[in-house]
Protein backbone atom coordinates (compact mmCIF):
# COMPACT_ATOMS: atom_id res chain seq x y z
CA MET A 1 -4.10 14.87 7.49
CA THR A 2 -7.64 14.00 6.51
CA ILE A 3 -8.27 11.42 3.82
CA LYS A 4 -10.21 13.09 1.03
CA ASN A 5 -8.27 12.08 -2.09
CA ILE A 6 -7.37 8.41 -2.62
CA LEU A 7 -5.27 7.03 -5.47
CA LEU A 8 -5.78 3.37 -6.38
CA SER A 9 -3.23 1.49 -8.46
CA TYR A 10 -5.39 -0.86 -10.53
CA ASN A 11 -4.27 -3.31 -13.21
CA GLY A 12 -7.04 -5.92 -13.08
CA LEU A 13 -4.87 -8.58 -11.42
CA PRO A 14 -6.24 -10.33 -8.30
CA SER A 15 -4.33 -8.27 -5.74
CA SER A 16 -5.52 -5.02 -7.35
CA GLU A 17 -9.09 -6.30 -7.14
CA ALA A 18 -8.58 -6.74 -3.40
CA ALA A 19 -7.11 -3.23 -3.25
CA LEU A 20 -10.16 -1.88 -5.11
CA ARG A 21 -12.51 -3.38 -2.52
CA VAL A 22 -10.54 -1.79 0.32
CA ALA A 23 -10.29 1.56 -1.48
CA LEU A 24 -14.06 1.61 -2.06
CA LYS A 25 -14.68 1.05 1.64
CA MET A 26 -12.23 3.83 2.53
CA ALA A 27 -13.72 6.26 0.02
CA GLU A 28 -17.19 5.74 1.45
CA LYS A 29 -16.00 5.95 5.08
CA TYR A 30 -14.09 9.21 4.60
CA ASP A 31 -16.38 10.66 1.90
CA ALA A 32 -13.30 10.84 -0.31
CA HIS A 33 -12.64 10.97 -4.02
CA LEU A 34 -11.23 7.74 -5.45
CA THR A 35 -9.07 7.81 -8.58
CA GLY A 36 -8.07 4.59 -10.28
CA VAL A 37 -4.89 4.65 -12.31
CA LEU A 38 -3.21 2.16 -14.60
CA SER A 39 0.49 3.05 -14.70
CA HIS A 40 2.41 1.11 -17.30
CA GLY A 41 5.35 0.94 -19.64
CA PRO A 42 5.61 -0.81 -23.02
CA SER A 43 5.10 -4.56 -22.99
CA ARG A 44 8.02 -6.94 -23.16
CA MET A 45 6.82 -8.12 -26.56
CA SER A 46 6.74 -4.68 -28.14
CA VAL A 47 10.19 -3.86 -26.75
CA ALA A 48 11.75 -7.18 -27.75
CA LEU A 49 10.17 -7.50 -31.18
CA GLY A 50 9.85 -3.86 -32.15
CA PRO A 51 13.11 -3.57 -34.12
CA TRP A 52 12.59 -6.90 -35.90
CA VAL A 53 8.98 -6.99 -37.07
CA THR A 54 7.08 -5.29 -39.86
CA PRO A 55 5.26 -2.03 -39.13
CA ASP A 56 1.91 -3.80 -39.57
CA LEU A 57 2.76 -6.46 -37.00
CA LEU A 58 4.08 -3.87 -34.56
CA GLU A 59 0.86 -1.90 -34.95
CA SER A 60 -1.12 -5.08 -34.26
CA ILE A 61 0.88 -5.65 -31.04
CA ARG A 62 0.20 -2.11 -29.93
CA GLU A 63 -3.50 -2.42 -30.70
CA ASN A 64 -3.61 -5.52 -28.50
CA GLU A 65 -1.96 -3.56 -25.69
CA VAL A 66 -4.54 -0.79 -26.02
CA ALA A 67 -7.34 -3.38 -25.97
CA MET A 68 -5.89 -4.86 -22.76
CA ARG A 69 -5.73 -1.45 -21.12
CA ASP A 70 -9.30 -0.69 -22.21
CA LYS A 71 -10.41 -3.95 -20.60
CA ILE A 72 -8.68 -2.99 -17.35
CA ALA A 73 -10.36 0.43 -17.40
CA ALA A 74 -13.72 -1.26 -17.95
CA GLY A 75 -13.04 -3.51 -14.96
CA PHE A 76 -12.44 -0.49 -12.75
CA ARG A 77 -15.58 1.25 -13.96
CA ALA A 78 -17.64 -1.86 -13.34
CA GLY A 79 -16.14 -2.15 -9.86
CA VAL A 80 -17.12 1.38 -8.88
CA ALA A 81 -20.45 1.52 -10.74
CA GLN A 82 -22.68 1.12 -7.69
CA ALA A 83 -20.57 3.47 -5.59
CA GLU A 84 -20.72 6.03 -8.40
CA LYS A 85 -24.51 5.91 -8.28
CA ASP A 86 -24.45 6.50 -4.53
CA ARG A 87 -21.84 9.29 -4.67
CA PRO A 88 -21.70 10.69 -8.20
CA GLY A 89 -18.65 12.63 -9.29
CA LYS A 90 -16.36 11.01 -6.72
CA TYR A 91 -14.78 8.31 -8.94
CA HIS A 92 -12.19 8.91 -11.65
CA TRP A 93 -9.87 7.00 -13.99
CA PHE A 94 -6.51 7.70 -15.65
CA ASP A 95 -4.25 5.69 -17.95
CA LEU A 96 -0.63 6.77 -17.43
CA GLY A 97 2.08 5.51 -19.76
CA GLY A 98 5.84 5.78 -19.50
CA ASP A 99 6.91 3.47 -16.67
CA ALA A 100 4.79 1.63 -14.11
CA ASP A 101 6.72 2.85 -11.05
CA GLU A 102 7.66 6.33 -12.20
CA SER A 103 4.19 7.25 -13.47
CA LEU A 104 2.54 6.10 -10.25
CA MET A 105 5.09 7.92 -8.08
CA GLN A 106 4.51 11.17 -9.95
CA ALA A 107 0.73 10.84 -9.67
CA ALA A 108 0.86 9.85 -5.99
CA ARG A 109 2.13 13.26 -4.94
CA PHE A 110 -1.28 14.80 -5.66
CA TYR A 111 -3.14 12.41 -3.32
CA ASP A 112 -3.49 11.76 0.40
CA ILE A 113 -2.79 8.04 0.19
CA VAL A 114 -2.04 5.33 -2.40
CA VAL A 115 -3.86 1.98 -2.19
CA MET A 116 -2.39 -0.93 -4.14
CA GLY A 117 -2.15 -4.70 -4.08
CA GLN A 118 0.82 -6.86 -3.20
CA TYR A 119 3.25 -7.14 -6.08
CA GLU A 120 2.37 -9.88 -8.55
CA SER A 121 3.39 -10.22 -12.16
CA ASP A 122 4.70 -12.52 -14.83
CA ALA A 123 6.53 -11.84 -18.07
CA GLU A 124 3.31 -10.75 -19.77
CA THR A 125 2.11 -8.34 -17.07
CA ALA A 126 5.34 -6.93 -15.56
CA HIS A 127 4.92 -3.67 -17.47
CA LEU A 128 1.56 -3.13 -15.73
CA CYS A 129 2.80 -3.79 -12.19
CA PRO A 130 4.38 -1.06 -10.04
CA HIS A 131 6.37 -2.13 -6.98
CA PRO A 132 4.67 -1.16 -3.68
CA ASP A 133 7.94 -0.87 -1.76
CA THR A 134 9.40 1.44 -4.39
CA ILE A 135 6.30 3.64 -4.32
CA ALA A 136 6.43 3.84 -0.51
CA LEU A 137 10.13 4.67 -0.63
CA ARG A 138 10.12 7.31 -3.34
CA SER A 139 6.67 8.88 -3.74
CA GLY A 140 6.59 10.84 -0.49
CA ARG A 141 3.07 9.56 0.22
CA PRO A 142 1.76 6.78 2.47
CA VAL A 143 1.00 3.53 0.67
CA LEU A 144 -1.56 0.97 1.82
CA ILE A 145 -0.58 -2.44 0.43
CA VAL A 146 -3.44 -4.95 0.34
CA PRO A 147 -2.76 -8.71 0.23
CA ASN A 148 -4.31 -10.83 -2.48
CA GLY A 149 -7.76 -12.10 -1.51
CA PHE A 150 -8.16 -9.80 1.48
CA ASP A 151 -11.76 -9.11 2.53
CA PRO A 152 -12.35 -5.45 3.58
CA ALA A 153 -14.43 -6.78 6.48
CA GLY A 154 -11.09 -7.89 7.94
CA MET A 155 -10.10 -4.24 8.51
CA ASN A 156 -11.45 -4.40 12.03
CA GLY A 157 -11.05 -2.07 15.00
CA HIS A 158 -7.54 -3.21 15.95
CA ALA A 159 -4.29 -1.98 14.39
CA VAL A 160 -0.63 -2.66 15.15
CA LEU A 161 1.91 0.17 14.95
CA ALA A 162 5.46 -1.19 14.58
CA TRP A 163 7.61 1.36 16.41
CA ASP A 164 11.41 1.50 16.26
CA GLY A 165 11.81 5.17 17.14
CA GLY A 166 13.09 6.03 13.67
CA ARG A 167 12.13 8.75 11.21
CA ALA A 168 10.19 6.46 8.90
CA ALA A 169 8.13 5.05 11.78
CA ALA A 170 7.29 8.59 12.90
CA VAL A 171 6.18 9.52 9.38
CA ALA A 172 4.05 6.35 9.17
CA MET A 173 2.42 7.15 12.52
CA ALA A 174 1.52 10.66 11.36
CA ASP A 175 0.25 9.44 7.98
CA ALA A 176 -1.88 6.75 9.60
CA MET A 177 -3.43 9.02 12.24
CA PRO A 178 -6.81 9.43 10.45
CA MET A 179 -7.12 5.64 10.37
CA MET A 180 -5.90 5.08 13.93
CA GLU A 181 -8.36 7.65 15.27
CA ASN A 182 -11.12 5.36 13.97
CA LYS A 183 -9.73 2.23 15.64
CA SER A 184 -10.95 0.91 18.98
CA ILE A 185 -7.36 0.12 19.98
CA VAL A 186 -3.83 0.33 18.55
CA THR A 187 -1.09 -1.99 19.76
CA VAL A 188 2.24 -0.14 19.79
CA LEU A 189 4.89 -2.79 19.23
CA THR A 190 8.61 -2.52 19.89
CA VAL A 191 10.98 -5.41 19.23
CA GLY A 192 14.14 -6.03 21.26
CA ASP A 193 15.68 -3.96 24.03
CA GLY A 194 16.81 -0.88 22.10
CA GLU A 195 16.09 2.74 22.89
CA ALA A 196 12.61 2.55 21.30
CA SER A 197 11.52 -0.01 23.90
CA LYS A 198 11.93 2.46 26.77
CA ARG A 199 8.82 4.32 27.93
CA ARG A 200 8.90 7.99 28.92
CA GLU A 201 5.56 8.70 30.54
CA GLY A 202 3.99 11.80 29.01
CA MET A 203 6.57 12.05 26.22
CA ASP A 204 6.31 8.98 24.04
CA VAL A 205 4.17 7.34 21.38
CA VAL A 206 1.45 6.36 23.83
CA ALA A 207 1.07 9.95 25.08
CA HIS A 208 0.99 11.30 21.53
CA LEU A 209 -1.69 8.86 20.42
CA ALA A 210 -3.72 9.44 23.60
CA ARG A 211 -3.84 13.17 22.81
CA HIS A 212 -5.44 12.19 19.49
CA GLY A 213 -8.01 10.11 21.34
CA VAL A 214 -6.40 6.79 20.35
CA MET A 215 -6.51 4.00 22.93
CA THR A 216 -3.26 2.05 22.96
CA ASP A 217 -1.80 -1.23 24.14
CA TRP A 218 2.01 -1.12 24.54
CA LYS A 219 3.93 -4.31 23.82
CA ASN A 220 7.65 -4.99 23.84
CA VAL A 221 8.74 -8.41 22.61
CA PRO A 222 12.13 -10.05 21.98
CA ARG A 223 13.25 -10.94 18.51
CA ASN A 224 12.03 -14.43 17.73
CA GLY A 225 13.32 -17.05 15.33
CA GLY A 226 11.76 -15.13 12.47
CA GLY A 227 13.62 -11.92 13.30
CA ILE A 228 11.93 -8.53 13.52
CA SER A 229 9.52 -9.26 10.68
CA GLY A 230 8.45 -12.49 12.35
CA ALA A 231 7.85 -10.72 15.66
CA ILE A 232 5.75 -8.05 13.95
CA LEU A 233 3.64 -10.52 12.00
CA ASP A 234 3.20 -12.78 15.03
CA MET A 235 1.81 -9.81 16.98
CA VAL A 236 -0.62 -8.99 14.17
CA ASP A 237 -1.84 -12.60 14.33
CA GLU A 238 -1.98 -12.63 18.14
CA LYS A 239 -4.09 -9.48 18.25
CA ASP A 240 -6.19 -10.45 15.23
CA ALA A 241 -5.42 -6.97 13.92
CA GLY A 242 -6.81 -5.76 10.62
CA LEU A 243 -4.08 -3.22 9.83
CA LEU A 244 -0.30 -3.00 10.25
CA ILE A 245 1.43 0.42 10.25
CA MET A 246 5.19 0.72 9.81
CA GLY A 247 7.98 2.75 8.29
CA ALA A 248 9.63 1.51 5.11
CA TYR A 249 13.38 1.03 4.65
CA GLU A 250 14.89 2.74 7.65
CA HIS A 251 18.20 1.46 6.27
CA SER A 252 19.13 1.89 2.61
CA LYS A 253 17.03 -0.02 0.11
CA PHE A 254 20.23 -1.50 -1.34
CA THR A 255 21.16 -2.95 2.06
CA GLU A 256 17.63 -4.22 2.60
CA GLU A 257 17.69 -6.06 -0.71
CA LEU A 258 21.06 -7.64 0.05
CA ILE A 259 20.06 -9.04 3.45
CA GLY A 260 16.34 -9.61 2.88
CA GLY A 261 15.04 -6.82 5.09
CA VAL A 262 12.07 -6.33 7.34
CA THR A 263 10.12 -4.31 4.77
CA LYS A 264 10.44 -6.90 2.03
CA GLU A 265 9.59 -9.82 4.32
CA VAL A 266 6.56 -8.14 5.87
CA LEU A 267 5.12 -7.24 2.47
CA ARG A 268 5.65 -10.79 1.24
CA ARG A 269 4.03 -12.51 4.22
CA SER A 270 1.43 -10.13 5.65
CA LYS A 271 -2.17 -11.35 5.63
CA VAL A 272 -3.57 -7.88 6.37
CA PRO A 273 -3.10 -4.48 4.72
CA VAL A 274 0.17 -2.73 5.55
CA LEU A 275 0.36 1.06 5.64
CA MET A 276 3.94 2.08 4.84
CA SER A 277 5.60 5.48 4.73
CA HIS A 278 9.18 6.62 4.37
């Protein structure tokens, strides 16, 4: 896969501003189109008050929602204005109503990758905030989740690939190949002493990446006090990596939510962008 068509989930909140900065850097690097999208449902106020207020008041609420969405669109256009001058015709915007998650999932299927910020919302903005883990799980496309405040300069030449030998990890590795091919080194990390930790020279992850011209550093570490997620994030810190690549929800999402789950914990705590696929 080459990256030529990037979808950015943008709602004007701080984490989406960080995602915009990363998406702009990616679009320039890969000479790709960048489409910003605001996916949203009705606000809590319009849903809660709709049956109980006068038509004039309901119309006023809806006008305020439109004004908010127009402001978000203006923020995106301002953010890409200089890039648009440098590469005209490569930047686009869509406002998609219905449901924040569902609308983004449907749109994602027409793009190479989705870039979005870590989940953040309150009662007033929840209808504007899709869930990154849900998009990674159900869209069928790789999702790059950018932490709030992240500086694109931090996407350096080192990446960590969390490898457990599962289907989702294999999909993530394939989806991330265009990015890994541009890295100076990729640390392949296995945690614990399971089957994935065993090397088969010439028929393993290292061999596959080498045939794509990717230099690798193989690491196997025990589970630490923070579990698998702690081991993964500790390795990212140790290597000063600028990107983490991993599969999402190898077990059922319901089970992950009950017990916490590696996916949920990594997304909550990661200081660098996480590319997730399922």
